[in-house]
Amino acid sequence: MIKKVLIALGNCPTIEDEAREVLERAAKPDVAVGYLDEGELIKRIEGANAVILGAPRLTRKVILAARKLEVICRRGIGVDNIDVKAASEQGVVVTNVP
């Protein structure tokens, strides 16, 4: 069961209302709009089971700080802003929704 979701949107202004409602019923979403640097991502990702990602980069350092992380979903084309190797080493599924 997903308990905490970090939604790091980058420059995207919002997520769709329906998506937010579904997340709020299933989890405690932590919505971050705007650019988050690596330090802020490390603080906010702690305890997250899932990440919905816009533009921010999920580096190895960020992924290793997320001890409960199960899935990263990139909202957009590609996963070039995610250290997929680090995620795979931690057993974290990486996917995207173009």
N, C-alpha and C. Protein backbone atom coordinates (compact mmCIF):
# COMPACT_ATOMS: atom_id res chain seq x y z
N MET A 1 0.84 -1.19 0.00
CA MET A 1 0.00 0.00 0.00
C MET A 1 0.89 1.25 0.00
N ILE A 2 0.61 2.16 -0.90
CA ILE A 2 1.35 3.40 -0.98
C ILE A 2 0.88 4.32 0.15
N LYS A 3 1.82 4.84 0.92
CA LYS A 3 1.47 5.70 2.04
C LYS A 3 1.84 7.15 1.81
N LYS A 4 3.02 7.38 1.22
CA LYS A 4 3.46 8.75 0.98
C LYS A 4 3.95 8.87 -0.45
N VAL A 5 3.45 9.87 -1.14
CA VAL A 5 3.83 10.13 -2.53
C VAL A 5 4.41 11.53 -2.61
N LEU A 6 5.62 11.63 -3.14
CA LEU A 6 6.22 12.93 -3.43
C LEU A 6 5.91 13.27 -4.87
N ILE A 7 5.26 14.39 -5.08
CA ILE A 7 4.94 14.86 -6.44
C ILE A 7 5.83 16.07 -6.69
N ALA A 8 6.89 15.86 -7.44
CA ALA A 8 7.86 16.92 -7.73
C ALA A 8 7.68 17.34 -9.18
N LEU A 9 6.95 18.43 -9.38
CA LEU A 9 6.49 18.79 -10.71
C LEU A 9 7.46 19.67 -11.50
N GLY A 10 8.41 20.26 -10.88
CA GLY A 10 9.29 21.15 -11.62
C GLY A 10 8.52 22.37 -12.08
N ASN A 11 8.58 22.65 -13.36
CA ASN A 11 7.93 23.84 -13.91
C ASN A 11 6.47 23.62 -14.27
N CYS A 12 5.97 22.39 -14.13
CA CYS A 12 4.56 22.13 -14.41
C CYS A 12 3.73 22.80 -13.31
N PRO A 13 2.69 23.51 -13.65
CA PRO A 13 1.96 24.27 -12.64
C PRO A 13 1.13 23.43 -11.68
N THR A 14 0.65 22.28 -12.11
CA THR A 14 -0.24 21.49 -11.26
C THR A 14 -0.40 20.09 -11.83
N ILE A 15 -1.05 19.24 -11.08
CA ILE A 15 -1.47 17.96 -11.64
C ILE A 15 -2.98 18.03 -11.80
N GLU A 16 -3.51 17.17 -12.61
CA GLU A 16 -4.93 17.18 -12.89
C GLU A 16 -5.72 16.91 -11.61
N ASP A 17 -6.86 17.57 -11.46
CA ASP A 17 -7.67 17.44 -10.26
C ASP A 17 -8.04 16.00 -9.96
N GLU A 18 -8.42 15.25 -11.00
CA GLU A 18 -8.83 13.86 -10.80
C GLU A 18 -7.66 13.04 -10.27
N ALA A 19 -6.47 13.25 -10.80
CA ALA A 19 -5.29 12.52 -10.33
C ALA A 19 -4.99 12.86 -8.88
N ARG A 20 -5.10 14.12 -8.53
CA ARG A 20 -4.85 14.55 -7.16
C ARG A 20 -5.86 13.91 -6.20
N GLU A 21 -7.13 13.86 -6.60
CA GLU A 21 -8.15 13.26 -5.75
C GLU A 21 -7.88 11.78 -5.50
N VAL A 22 -7.47 11.05 -6.54
CA VAL A 22 -7.16 9.64 -6.39
C VAL A 22 -5.99 9.47 -5.43
N LEU A 23 -4.96 10.29 -5.59
CA LEU A 23 -3.80 10.20 -4.71
C LEU A 23 -4.16 10.52 -3.27
N GLU A 24 -4.99 11.51 -3.06
CA GLU A 24 -5.36 11.90 -1.70
C GLU A 24 -6.18 10.82 -1.00
N ARG A 25 -6.92 10.02 -1.77
CA ARG A 25 -7.67 8.91 -1.17
C ARG A 25 -6.73 7.75 -0.79
N ALA A 26 -5.64 7.59 -1.54
CA ALA A 26 -4.76 6.44 -1.35
C ALA A 26 -3.51 6.73 -0.53
N ALA A 27 -3.15 7.99 -0.42
CA ALA A 27 -1.85 8.30 0.18
C ALA A 27 -1.84 9.71 0.75
N LYS A 28 -0.68 10.07 1.31
CA LYS A 28 -0.44 11.43 1.75
C LYS A 28 0.45 12.10 0.70
N PRO A 29 -0.14 12.81 -0.25
CA PRO A 29 0.72 13.43 -1.26
C PRO A 29 1.45 14.66 -0.72
N ASP A 30 2.71 14.79 -1.08
CA ASP A 30 3.53 15.96 -0.78
C ASP A 30 3.80 16.61 -2.13
N VAL A 31 3.08 17.66 -2.45
CA VAL A 31 3.17 18.29 -3.76
C VAL A 31 4.18 19.42 -3.73
N ALA A 32 5.16 19.35 -4.59
CA ALA A 32 6.20 20.38 -4.68
C ALA A 32 6.20 20.94 -6.10
N VAL A 33 5.78 22.18 -6.26
CA VAL A 33 5.79 22.84 -7.56
C VAL A 33 6.98 23.79 -7.57
N GLY A 34 7.68 23.82 -8.67
CA GLY A 34 8.87 24.64 -8.78
C GLY A 34 10.11 23.77 -8.67
N TYR A 35 11.24 24.35 -8.96
CA TYR A 35 12.49 23.59 -8.98
C TYR A 35 12.93 23.23 -7.57
N LEU A 36 13.24 21.96 -7.34
CA LEU A 36 13.80 21.51 -6.07
C LEU A 36 15.24 21.10 -6.32
N ASP A 37 16.17 21.67 -5.54
CA ASP A 37 17.56 21.25 -5.69
C ASP A 37 17.76 19.90 -4.99
N GLU A 38 18.93 19.33 -5.15
CA GLU A 38 19.20 18.00 -4.62
C GLU A 38 18.98 17.93 -3.10
N GLY A 39 19.40 18.94 -2.37
CA GLY A 39 19.22 18.94 -0.92
C GLY A 39 17.76 18.92 -0.51
N GLU A 40 16.94 19.72 -1.18
CA GLU A 40 15.51 19.76 -0.87
C GLU A 40 14.84 18.44 -1.25
N LEU A 41 15.24 17.86 -2.38
CA LEU A 41 14.68 16.56 -2.76
C LEU A 41 15.02 15.50 -1.72
N ILE A 42 16.24 15.52 -1.22
CA ILE A 42 16.64 14.53 -0.22
C ILE A 42 15.78 14.66 1.03
N LYS A 43 15.51 15.88 1.47
CA LYS A 43 14.66 16.09 2.64
C LYS A 43 13.24 15.59 2.40
N ARG A 44 12.70 15.88 1.22
CA ARG A 44 11.29 15.58 0.97
C ARG A 44 11.05 14.13 0.56
N ILE A 45 12.07 13.45 0.04
CA ILE A 45 11.87 12.09 -0.44
C ILE A 45 11.95 11.05 0.70
N GLU A 46 12.51 11.47 1.81
CA GLU A 46 12.63 10.55 2.95
C GLU A 46 11.23 10.07 3.36
N GLY A 47 11.06 8.79 3.42
CA GLY A 47 9.78 8.22 3.80
C GLY A 47 8.80 8.05 2.66
N ALA A 48 9.14 8.55 1.48
CA ALA A 48 8.22 8.42 0.34
C ALA A 48 8.27 7.00 -0.21
N ASN A 49 7.10 6.49 -0.55
CA ASN A 49 6.99 5.19 -1.18
C ASN A 49 6.96 5.31 -2.70
N ALA A 50 6.55 6.49 -3.17
CA ALA A 50 6.43 6.71 -4.61
C ALA A 50 6.77 8.16 -4.92
N VAL A 51 7.27 8.37 -6.14
CA VAL A 51 7.55 9.71 -6.62
C VAL A 51 6.91 9.87 -8.00
N ILE A 52 6.17 10.95 -8.16
CA ILE A 52 5.69 11.37 -9.48
C ILE A 52 6.54 12.58 -9.83
N LEU A 53 7.26 12.48 -10.91
CA LEU A 53 8.31 13.43 -11.20
C LEU A 53 8.06 14.19 -12.49
N GLY A 54 8.24 15.50 -12.43
CA GLY A 54 8.23 16.32 -13.63
C GLY A 54 9.66 16.53 -14.08
N ALA A 55 10.20 17.71 -13.83
CA ALA A 55 11.52 18.07 -14.32
C ALA A 55 12.69 17.82 -13.37
N PRO A 56 12.51 17.80 -12.06
CA PRO A 56 13.69 17.66 -11.20
C PRO A 56 14.48 16.39 -11.51
N ARG A 57 15.77 16.42 -11.18
CA ARG A 57 16.65 15.26 -11.38
C ARG A 57 16.67 14.41 -10.12
N LEU A 58 16.49 13.12 -10.30
CA LEU A 58 16.65 12.19 -9.19
C LEU A 58 18.00 11.52 -9.36
N THR A 59 18.98 12.04 -8.64
CA THR A 59 20.34 11.54 -8.69
C THR A 59 20.49 10.31 -7.80
N ARG A 60 21.62 9.66 -7.92
CA ARG A 60 21.93 8.51 -7.06
C ARG A 60 21.79 8.91 -5.58
N LYS A 61 22.32 10.06 -5.23
CA LYS A 61 22.29 10.52 -3.84
C LYS A 61 20.85 10.66 -3.34
N VAL A 62 19.97 11.20 -4.17
CA VAL A 62 18.56 11.36 -3.80
C VAL A 62 17.90 9.99 -3.66
N ILE A 63 18.12 9.11 -4.61
CA ILE A 63 17.48 7.79 -4.59
C ILE A 63 17.95 6.98 -3.38
N LEU A 64 19.22 7.06 -3.04
CA LEU A 64 19.73 6.32 -1.88
C LEU A 64 19.16 6.86 -0.56
N ALA A 65 18.75 8.12 -0.54
CA ALA A 65 18.14 8.70 0.66
C ALA A 65 16.70 8.24 0.86
N ALA A 66 16.11 7.68 -0.17
CA ALA A 66 14.70 7.26 -0.13
C ALA A 66 14.62 5.79 0.23
N ARG A 67 14.70 5.49 1.48
CA ARG A 67 14.79 4.10 1.94
C ARG A 67 13.51 3.29 1.74
N LYS A 68 12.37 3.95 1.61
CA LYS A 68 11.09 3.23 1.45
C LYS A 68 10.56 3.28 0.01
N LEU A 69 11.33 3.87 -0.88
CA LEU A 69 10.87 4.10 -2.24
C LEU A 69 10.63 2.79 -3.00
N GLU A 70 9.47 2.72 -3.67
CA GLU A 70 9.10 1.54 -4.44
C GLU A 70 8.99 1.84 -5.93
N VAL A 71 8.55 3.05 -6.27
CA VAL A 71 8.31 3.36 -7.68
C VAL A 71 8.56 4.85 -7.95
N ILE A 72 9.14 5.11 -9.13
CA ILE A 72 9.31 6.47 -9.64
C ILE A 72 8.57 6.53 -10.96
N CYS A 73 7.66 7.47 -11.09
CA CYS A 73 6.94 7.65 -12.35
C CYS A 73 7.28 9.02 -12.91
N ARG A 74 7.90 9.04 -14.06
CA ARG A 74 8.25 10.28 -14.73
C ARG A 74 7.05 10.76 -15.52
N ARG A 75 6.60 11.94 -15.23
CA ARG A 75 5.47 12.54 -15.95
C ARG A 75 6.06 13.31 -17.14
N GLY A 76 6.14 12.63 -18.26
CA GLY A 76 6.74 13.23 -19.46
C GLY A 76 7.46 12.17 -20.27
N ILE A 77 8.13 12.62 -21.28
CA ILE A 77 8.83 11.72 -22.19
C ILE A 77 10.19 11.37 -21.63
N GLY A 78 10.51 10.09 -21.61
CA GLY A 78 11.83 9.63 -21.20
C GLY A 78 12.03 9.62 -19.70
N VAL A 79 13.19 9.08 -19.31
CA VAL A 79 13.58 9.01 -17.90
C VAL A 79 15.01 9.50 -17.72
N ASP A 80 15.44 10.40 -18.59
CA ASP A 80 16.82 10.87 -18.59
C ASP A 80 17.17 11.70 -17.36
N ASN A 81 16.20 12.13 -16.58
CA ASN A 81 16.47 12.89 -15.37
C ASN A 81 16.44 12.01 -14.12
N ILE A 82 16.47 10.70 -14.33
CA ILE A 82 16.45 9.74 -13.22
C ILE A 82 17.67 8.83 -13.34
N ASP A 83 18.37 8.61 -12.24
CA ASP A 83 19.47 7.65 -12.24
C ASP A 83 18.84 6.26 -12.16
N VAL A 84 18.53 5.72 -13.34
CA VAL A 84 17.82 4.44 -13.43
C VAL A 84 18.67 3.31 -12.83
N LYS A 85 19.97 3.37 -13.02
CA LYS A 85 20.85 2.33 -12.47
C LYS A 85 20.75 2.30 -10.95
N ALA A 86 20.82 3.46 -10.30
CA ALA A 86 20.70 3.53 -8.84
C ALA A 86 19.34 3.02 -8.39
N ALA A 87 18.30 3.40 -9.11
CA ALA A 87 16.94 2.95 -8.76
C ALA A 87 16.85 1.42 -8.86
N SER A 88 17.36 0.87 -9.94
CA SER A 88 17.32 -0.58 -10.14
C SER A 88 18.09 -1.31 -9.04
N GLU A 89 19.24 -0.76 -8.66
CA GLU A 89 20.03 -1.37 -7.58
C GLU A 89 19.27 -1.41 -6.27
N GLN A 90 18.36 -0.47 -6.07
CA GLN A 90 17.56 -0.39 -4.84
C GLN A 90 16.22 -1.13 -4.98
N GLY A 91 15.98 -1.73 -6.14
CA GLY A 91 14.72 -2.44 -6.35
C GLY A 91 13.54 -1.52 -6.63
N VAL A 92 13.82 -0.31 -7.09
CA VAL A 92 12.78 0.69 -7.37
C VAL A 92 12.40 0.61 -8.84
N VAL A 93 11.12 0.49 -9.11
CA VAL A 93 10.60 0.46 -10.47
C VAL A 93 10.58 1.88 -11.02
N VAL A 94 11.05 2.05 -12.27
CA VAL A 94 11.03 3.34 -12.93
C VAL A 94 10.16 3.23 -14.16
N THR A 95 9.23 4.17 -14.30
CA THR A 95 8.33 4.17 -15.43
C THR A 95 8.08 5.61 -15.86
N ASN A 96 7.40 5.77 -16.99
CA ASN A 96 7.04 7.14 -17.40
C ASN A 96 5.66 7.14 -18.05
N VAL A 97 5.05 8.31 -18.01
CA VAL A 97 3.76 8.54 -18.65
C VAL A 97 3.94 9.77 -19.54
N PRO A 98 4.11 9.55 -20.85
CA PRO A 98 4.35 10.70 -21.76
C PRO A 98 3.19 11.67 -21.82
